[in-house]
PDB file of N, CA and C in Angstrom:
ATOM      1  N   MET A   1       2.759  -2.092  13.354  1.00  0.00           N
ATOM      2  CA  MET A   1       3.047  -1.299  12.593  1.00  0.00           C
ATOM      3  C   MET A   1       2.491  -0.670  11.555  1.00  0.00           C
ATOM      4  N   LYS A   2       2.162   0.081  11.786  1.00  0.00           N
ATOM      5  CA  LYS A   2       1.163   0.773  11.375  1.00  0.00           C
ATOM      6  C   LYS A   2       1.465   1.293   9.571  1.00  0.00           C
ATOM      7  N   PHE A   3       0.647   1.516   8.580  1.00  0.00           N
ATOM      8  CA  PHE A   3       0.701   2.283   7.789  1.00  0.00           C
ATOM      9  C   PHE A   3      -0.432   2.826   7.048  1.00  0.00           C
ATOM     10  N   ILE A   4      -0.119   3.971   6.486  1.00  0.00           N
ATOM     11  CA  ILE A   4      -1.428   4.671   5.458  1.00  0.00           C
ATOM     12  C   ILE A   4      -1.679   4.616   4.416  1.00  0.00           C
ATOM     13  N   VAL A   5      -2.714   3.525   3.745  1.00  0.00           N
ATOM     14  CA  VAL A   5      -3.007   3.681   2.190  1.00  0.00           C
ATOM     15  C   VAL A   5      -3.520   4.778   2.257  1.00  0.00           C
ATOM     16  N   THR A   6      -4.247   4.187   0.293  1.00  0.00           N
ATOM     17  CA  THR A   6      -4.434   4.356  -0.035  1.00  0.00           C
ATOM     18  C   THR A   6      -5.658   3.715  -1.093  1.00  0.00           C
ATOM     19  N   ILE A   7      -7.508   3.993  -1.478  1.00  0.00           N
ATOM     20  CA  ILE A   7      -8.392   2.736  -2.281  1.00  0.00           C
ATOM     21  C   ILE A   7      -9.069   3.963  -2.448  1.00  0.00           C
ATOM     22  N   ASP A   8      -8.212   2.910  -4.084  1.00  0.00           N
ATOM     23  CA  ASP A   8      -9.705   3.693  -4.357  1.00  0.00           C
ATOM     24  C   ASP A   8     -10.428   3.328  -5.700  1.00  0.00           C
ATOM     25  N   ARG A   9     -11.180   3.135  -6.708  1.00  0.00           N
ATOM     26  CA  ARG A   9     -11.779   1.360  -7.563  1.00  0.00           C
ATOM     27  C   ARG A   9     -11.008   1.945  -8.940  1.00  0.00           C
ATOM     28  N   ASP A  10     -10.970   0.778  -9.544  1.00  0.00           N
ATOM     29  CA  ASP A  10     -10.986   0.907 -10.888  1.00  0.00           C
ATOM     30  C   ASP A  10     -12.025   0.835 -11.779  1.00  0.00           C
ATOM     31  N   GLU A  11     -12.665   1.005 -13.277  1.00  0.00           N
ATOM     32  CA  GLU A  11     -13.427   0.761 -14.197  1.00  0.00           C
ATOM     33  C   GLU A  11     -13.911  -0.183 -13.761  1.00  0.00           C
ATOM     34  N   ASP A  12     -13.398  -1.375 -13.284  1.00  0.00           N
ATOM     35  CA  ASP A  12     -14.520  -2.429 -13.319  1.00  0.00           C
ATOM     36  C   ASP A  12     -15.366  -2.402 -11.669  1.00  0.00           C
ATOM     37  N   GLY A  13     -14.752  -1.225 -11.209  1.00  0.00           N
ATOM     38  CA  GLY A  13     -15.219  -1.893  -9.868  1.00  0.00           C
ATOM     39  C   GLY A  13     -14.792  -1.847  -8.874  1.00  0.00           C
ATOM     40  N   VAL A  14     -13.053  -2.415  -8.744  1.00  0.00           N
ATOM     41  CA  VAL A  14     -12.888  -3.783  -7.956  1.00  0.00           C
ATOM     42  C   VAL A  14     -11.320  -2.371  -7.580  1.00  0.00           C
ATOM     43  N   PHE A  15     -11.944  -2.352  -5.799  1.00  0.00           N
ATOM     44  CA  PHE A  15     -10.902  -1.964  -4.884  1.00  0.00           C
ATOM     45  C   PHE A  15      -9.638  -1.335  -5.230  1.00  0.00           C
ATOM     46  N   VAL A  16      -8.778  -0.505  -5.279  1.00  0.00           N
ATOM     47  CA  VAL A  16      -7.371  -0.303  -5.148  1.00  0.00           C
ATOM     48  C   VAL A  16      -6.927  -0.362  -4.347  1.00  0.00           C
ATOM     49  N   VAL A  17      -5.156  -1.385  -3.320  1.00  0.00           N
ATOM     50  CA  VAL A  17      -5.448  -0.467  -2.553  1.00  0.00           C
ATOM     51  C   VAL A  17      -3.917  -0.464  -2.471  1.00  0.00           C
ATOM     52  N   GLU A  18      -2.875   1.001  -2.025  1.00  0.00           N
ATOM     53  CA  GLU A  18      -1.683   0.899  -2.112  1.00  0.00           C
ATOM     54  C   GLU A  18      -1.233   1.539  -0.539  1.00  0.00           C
ATOM     55  N   CYS A  19       0.035   1.262  -1.268  1.00  0.00           N
ATOM     56  CA  CYS A  19       0.927   1.511   0.210  1.00  0.00           C
ATOM     57  C   CYS A  19       1.917   2.315  -0.067  1.00  0.00           C
ATOM     58  N   PRO A  20       0.991   3.904  -0.238  1.00  0.00           N
ATOM     59  CA  PRO A  20       2.419   4.275  -0.348  1.00  0.00           C
ATOM     60  C   PRO A  20       4.490   4.572  -0.376  1.00  0.00           C
ATOM     61  N   SER A  21       4.400   4.235   1.164  1.00  0.00           N
ATOM     62  CA  SER A  21       5.501   4.210   2.387  1.00  0.00           C
ATOM     63  C   SER A  21       6.375   2.602   1.391  1.00  0.00           C
ATOM     64  N   ILE A  22       5.765   2.314   0.845  1.00  0.00           N
ATOM     65  CA  ILE A  22       6.028   0.472   1.036  1.00  0.00           C
ATOM     66  C   ILE A  22       6.555   0.851  -0.554  1.00  0.00           C
ATOM     67  N   PRO A  23       7.362   1.100  -1.412  1.00  0.00           N
ATOM     68  CA  PRO A  23       7.182   1.319  -3.524  1.00  0.00           C
ATOM     69  C   PRO A  23       6.888   0.197  -3.731  1.00  0.00           C
ATOM     70  N   GLY A  24       5.806   0.201  -3.997  1.00  0.00           N
ATOM     71  CA  GLY A  24       5.564  -1.686  -4.785  1.00  0.00           C
ATOM     72  C   GLY A  24       4.651  -2.119  -3.945  1.00  0.00           C
ATOM     73  N   CYS A  25       3.773  -1.947  -3.209  1.00  0.00           N
ATOM     74  CA  CYS A  25       3.244  -2.127  -2.479  1.00  0.00           C
ATOM     75  C   CYS A  25       1.173  -2.319  -2.968  1.00  0.00           C
ATOM     76  N   VAL A  26       0.844  -2.807  -3.367  1.00  0.00           N
ATOM     77  CA  VAL A  26      -0.816  -2.211  -3.464  1.00  0.00           C
ATOM     78  C   VAL A  26      -0.785  -4.121  -3.933  1.00  0.00           C
ATOM     79  N   SER A  27      -1.990  -4.543  -3.497  1.00  0.00           N
ATOM     80  CA  SER A  27      -3.773  -5.211  -3.306  1.00  0.00           C
ATOM     81  C   SER A  27      -4.817  -4.532  -4.281  1.00  0.00           C
ATOM     82  N   GLN A  28      -5.613  -5.962  -4.209  1.00  0.00           N
ATOM     83  CA  GLN A  28      -6.901  -5.509  -4.938  1.00  0.00           C
ATOM     84  C   GLN A  28      -7.275  -6.103  -3.791  1.00  0.00           C
ATOM     85  N   GLY A  29      -9.225  -6.294  -4.221  1.00  0.00           N
ATOM     86  CA  GLY A  29     -10.273  -6.885  -3.671  1.00  0.00           C
ATOM     87  C   GLY A  29     -11.237  -6.396  -4.462  1.00  0.00           C
ATOM     88  N   LYS A  30     -13.087  -7.418  -4.377  1.00  0.00           N
ATOM     89  CA  LYS A  30     -13.805  -7.426  -4.757  1.00  0.00           C
ATOM     90  C   LYS A  30     -14.750  -6.211  -3.993  1.00  0.00           C
ATOM     91  N   THR A  31     -14.481  -6.211  -2.770  1.00  0.00           N
ATOM     92  CA  THR A  31     -14.921  -5.631  -2.100  1.00  0.00           C
ATOM     93  C   THR A  31     -13.975  -4.456  -1.353  1.00  0.00           C
ATOM     94  N   GLU A  32     -14.200  -3.050  -0.297  1.00  0.00           N
ATOM     95  CA  GLU A  32     -13.068  -2.501   0.293  1.00  0.00           C
ATOM     96  C   GLU A  32     -12.629  -3.721   1.481  1.00  0.00           C
ATOM     97  N   GLU A  33     -13.237  -3.847   2.214  1.00  0.00           N
ATOM     98  CA  GLU A  33     -13.218  -5.919   3.369  1.00  0.00           C
ATOM     99  C   GLU A  33     -12.063  -6.229   2.330  1.00  0.00           C
ATOM    100  N   GLU A  34     -12.064  -6.906   1.797  1.00  0.00           N
ATOM    101  CA  GLU A  34     -11.185  -8.127   0.898  1.00  0.00           C
ATOM    102  C   GLU A  34     -10.220  -7.362   0.505  1.00  0.00           C
ATOM    103  N   ALA A  35     -10.050  -6.185   0.125  1.00  0.00           N
ATOM    104  CA  ALA A  35      -9.268  -4.887  -0.232  1.00  0.00           C
ATOM    105  C   ALA A  35      -8.470  -5.131   0.679  1.00  0.00           C
ATOM    106  N   MET A  36      -9.056  -4.619   1.573  1.00  0.00           N
ATOM    107  CA  MET A  36      -7.693  -4.250   2.581  1.00  0.00           C
ATOM    108  C   MET A  36      -7.421  -5.399   3.326  1.00  0.00           C
ATOM    109  N   ALA A  37      -8.409  -6.568   3.237  1.00  0.00           N
ATOM    110  CA  ALA A  37      -6.925  -7.752   3.811  1.00  0.00           C
ATOM    111  C   ALA A  37      -6.094  -7.702   3.112  1.00  0.00           C
ATOM    112  N   ASN A  38      -6.639  -8.051   2.353  1.00  0.00           N
ATOM    113  CA  ASN A  38      -5.373  -8.534   0.823  1.00  0.00           C
ATOM    114  C   ASN A  38      -4.672  -7.224   0.948  1.00  0.00           C
ATOM    115  N   ILE A  39      -4.168  -6.635   1.033  1.00  0.00           N
ATOM    116  CA  ILE A  39      -2.989  -5.150   1.030  1.00  0.00           C
ATOM    117  C   ILE A  39      -2.080  -5.594   3.201  1.00  0.00           C
ATOM    118  N   LYS A  40      -2.733  -5.537   3.893  1.00  0.00           N
ATOM    119  CA  LYS A  40      -2.239  -6.443   5.493  1.00  0.00           C
ATOM    120  C   LYS A  40      -1.178  -7.723   4.823  1.00  0.00           C
ATOM    121  N   ASP A  41      -1.546  -8.032   4.746  1.00  0.00           N
ATOM    122  CA  ASP A  41      -1.111  -9.593   3.367  1.00  0.00           C
ATOM    123  C   ASP A  41       0.094  -9.092   2.971  1.00  0.00           C
ATOM    124  N   ALA A  42       0.107  -7.874   1.707  1.00  0.00           N
ATOM    125  CA  ALA A  42       1.319  -7.978  -0.009  1.00  0.00           C
ATOM    126  C   ALA A  42       2.150  -6.608   1.487  1.00  0.00           C
ATOM    127  N   ILE A  43       1.742  -5.960   2.086  1.00  0.00           N
ATOM    128  CA  ILE A  43       2.320  -5.991   3.574  1.00  0.00           C
ATOM    129  C   ILE A  43       3.335  -6.304   3.903  1.00  0.00           C
ATOM    130  N   LYS A  44       2.760  -8.259   4.919  1.00  0.00           N
ATOM    131  CA  LYS A  44       4.013  -7.991   5.368  1.00  0.00           C
ATOM    132  C   LYS A  44       5.596  -9.026   4.608  1.00  0.00           C
ATOM    133  N   GLN A  45       4.646  -9.529   3.154  1.00  0.00           N
ATOM    134  CA  GLN A  45       5.088 -10.111   1.716  1.00  0.00           C
ATOM    135  C   GLN A  45       6.266  -8.777   1.676  1.00  0.00           C
ATOM    136  N   CYS A  46       5.682  -7.514   1.553  1.00  0.00           N
ATOM    137  CA  CYS A  46       6.125  -6.260   0.795  1.00  0.00           C
ATOM    138  C   CYS A  46       8.057  -6.204   1.821  1.00  0.00           C
ATOM    139  N   LEU A  47       7.131  -5.962   3.420  1.00  0.00           N
ATOM    140  CA  LEU A  47       8.553  -5.902   4.271  1.00  0.00           C
ATOM    141  C   LEU A  47       9.993  -7.183   4.215  1.00  0.00           C
ATOM    142  N   GLU A  48       8.829  -9.032   4.159  1.00  0.00           N
ATOM    143  CA  GLU A  48       9.714  -9.009   4.773  1.00  0.00           C
ATOM    144  C   GLU A  48      10.760  -9.055   3.256  1.00  0.00           C
ATOM    145  N   VAL A  49      10.537  -8.928   2.355  1.00  0.00           N
ATOM    146  CA  VAL A  49      11.369  -9.266   1.067  1.00  0.00           C
ATOM    147  C   VAL A  49      12.507  -7.701   0.446  1.00  0.00           C
ATOM    148  N   ARG A  50      12.127  -6.501   1.219  1.00  0.00           N
ATOM    149  CA  ARG A  50      12.565  -5.913   1.779  1.00  0.00           C
ATOM    150  C   ARG A  50      14.038  -5.959   2.881  1.00  0.00           C
ATOM    151  N   ALA A  51      14.104  -6.388   3.390  1.00  0.00           N
ATOM    152  CA  ALA A  51      14.316  -6.980   4.382  1.00  0.00           C
ATOM    153  C   ALA A  51      14.933  -8.122   3.946  1.00  0.00           C
ATOM    154  N   GLU A  52      15.182  -9.265   3.534  1.00  0.00           N
ATOM    155  CA  GLU A  52      15.957  -9.911   3.267  1.00  0.00           C
ATOM    156  C   GLU A  52      17.255  -9.595   1.999  1.00  0.00           C
ATOM    157  N   ARG A  53      16.332  -9.056   1.458  1.00  0.00           N
ATOM    158  CA  ARG A  53      17.443  -8.085   0.507  1.00  0.00           C
ATOM    159  C   ARG A  53      18.142  -7.010   0.557  1.00  0.00           C
ATOM    160  N   ARG A  54      18.494  -6.362   1.933  1.00  0.00           N
ATOM    161  CA  ARG A  54      18.871  -5.404   2.892  1.00  0.00           C
ATOM    162  C   ARG A  54      18.161  -4.289   2.268  1.00  0.00           C
ATOM    163  N   MET A  55      17.423  -3.854   1.872  1.00  0.00           N
ATOM    164  CA  MET A  55      16.552  -2.629   1.656  1.00  0.00           C
ATOM    165  C   MET A  55      16.010  -1.554   2.374  1.00  0.00           C
ATOM    166  N   PRO A  56      16.213  -0.178   2.476  1.00  0.00           N
ATOM    167  CA  PRO A  56      14.970   0.219   3.226  1.00  0.00           C
ATOM    168  C   PRO A  56      13.453  -1.079   3.716  1.00  0.00           C
ATOM    169  N   LEU A  57      13.170  -0.375   4.451  1.00  0.00           N
ATOM    170  CA  LEU A  57      11.277  -1.014   4.335  1.00  0.00           C
ATOM    171  C   LEU A  57      10.554   0.123   4.228  1.00  0.00           C
ATOM    172  N   THR A  58      10.519   1.059   4.036  1.00  0.00           N
ATOM    173  CA  THR A  58       9.407   1.759   3.255  1.00  0.00           C
ATOM    174  C   THR A  58      10.948   3.470   2.972  1.00  0.00           C
ATOM    175  N   VAL A  59       9.783   4.201   2.953  1.00  0.00           N
ATOM    176  CA  VAL A  59      10.473   4.998   2.158  1.00  0.00           C
ATOM    177  C   VAL A  59      10.158   6.605   3.028  1.00  0.00           C
ATOM    178  N   ALA A  60      10.663   7.022   2.753  1.00  0.00           N
ATOM    179  CA  ALA A  60      10.560   9.122   3.764  1.00  0.00           C
ATOM    180  C   ALA A  60       9.282   8.887   3.067  1.00  0.00           C
ATOM    181  N   MET A  61       8.204   9.885   3.622  1.00  0.00           N
ATOM    182  CA  MET A  61       7.167  11.037   3.000  1.00  0.00           C
ATOM    183  C   MET A  61       6.844  12.180   4.077  1.00  0.00           C
ATOM    184  N   ARG A  62       6.860  12.633   3.137  1.00  0.00           N
ATOM    185  CA  ARG A  62       7.165  14.569   3.957  1.00  0.00           C
ATOM    186  C   ARG A  62       5.572  15.499   3.392  1.00  0.00           C
ATOM    187  N   GLU A  63       5.086  15.898   4.175  1.00  0.00           N
ATOM    188  CA  GLU A  63       4.151  16.544   3.411  1.00  0.00           C
ATOM    189  C   GLU A  63       4.191  18.059   2.635  1.00  0.00           C
ATOM    190  N   VAL A  64       3.219  18.679   2.797  1.00  0.00           N
ATOM    191  CA  VAL A  64       3.912  19.181   1.239  1.00  0.00           C
ATOM    192  C   VAL A  64       2.699  20.605   0.888  1.00  0.00           C
ATOM    193  N   GLU A  65       2.235  21.694   1.284  1.00  0.00           N
ATOM    194  CA  GLU A  65       1.400  22.367   1.058  1.00  0.00           C
ATOM    195  C   GLU A  65       1.768  22.984   0.229  1.00  0.00           C
ATOM    196  N   VAL A  66       0.483  22.805  -1.292  1.00  0.00           N
ATOM    197  CA  VAL A  66      -0.091  23.050  -2.929  1.00  0.00           C
ATOM    198  C   VAL A  66      -1.055  24.722  -2.312  1.00  0.00           C
ATOM    199  N   PHE A  67      -0.408  25.545  -3.374  1.00  0.00           N
ATOM    200  CA  PHE A  67      -1.812  26.864  -2.536  1.00  0.00           C
ATOM    201  C   PHE A  67      -2.426  26.703  -4.363  1.00  0.00           C
ATOM    202  N   ALA A  68      -4.229  27.086  -4.682  1.00  0.00           N
ATOM    203  CA  ALA A  68      -3.814  26.808  -5.917  1.00  0.00           C
ATOM    204  C   ALA A  68      -4.849  28.082  -6.393  1.00  0.00           C
TER     205      ALA A  68
END
């Protein structure tokens, strides 16, 4: 499965990665590469927990257009 993730840096320079289609699925790392490896593991774990609890694996996402 493929997932879209967001990558940001916090005030300490740590890379924070989130998978928006899986609520609460967030990880981090000292480097972008470490953070990406960590989010892959986090996604696997989140999917396992959601399956065990019989929750939907992901939430619906839509694209919206906003005019400024």
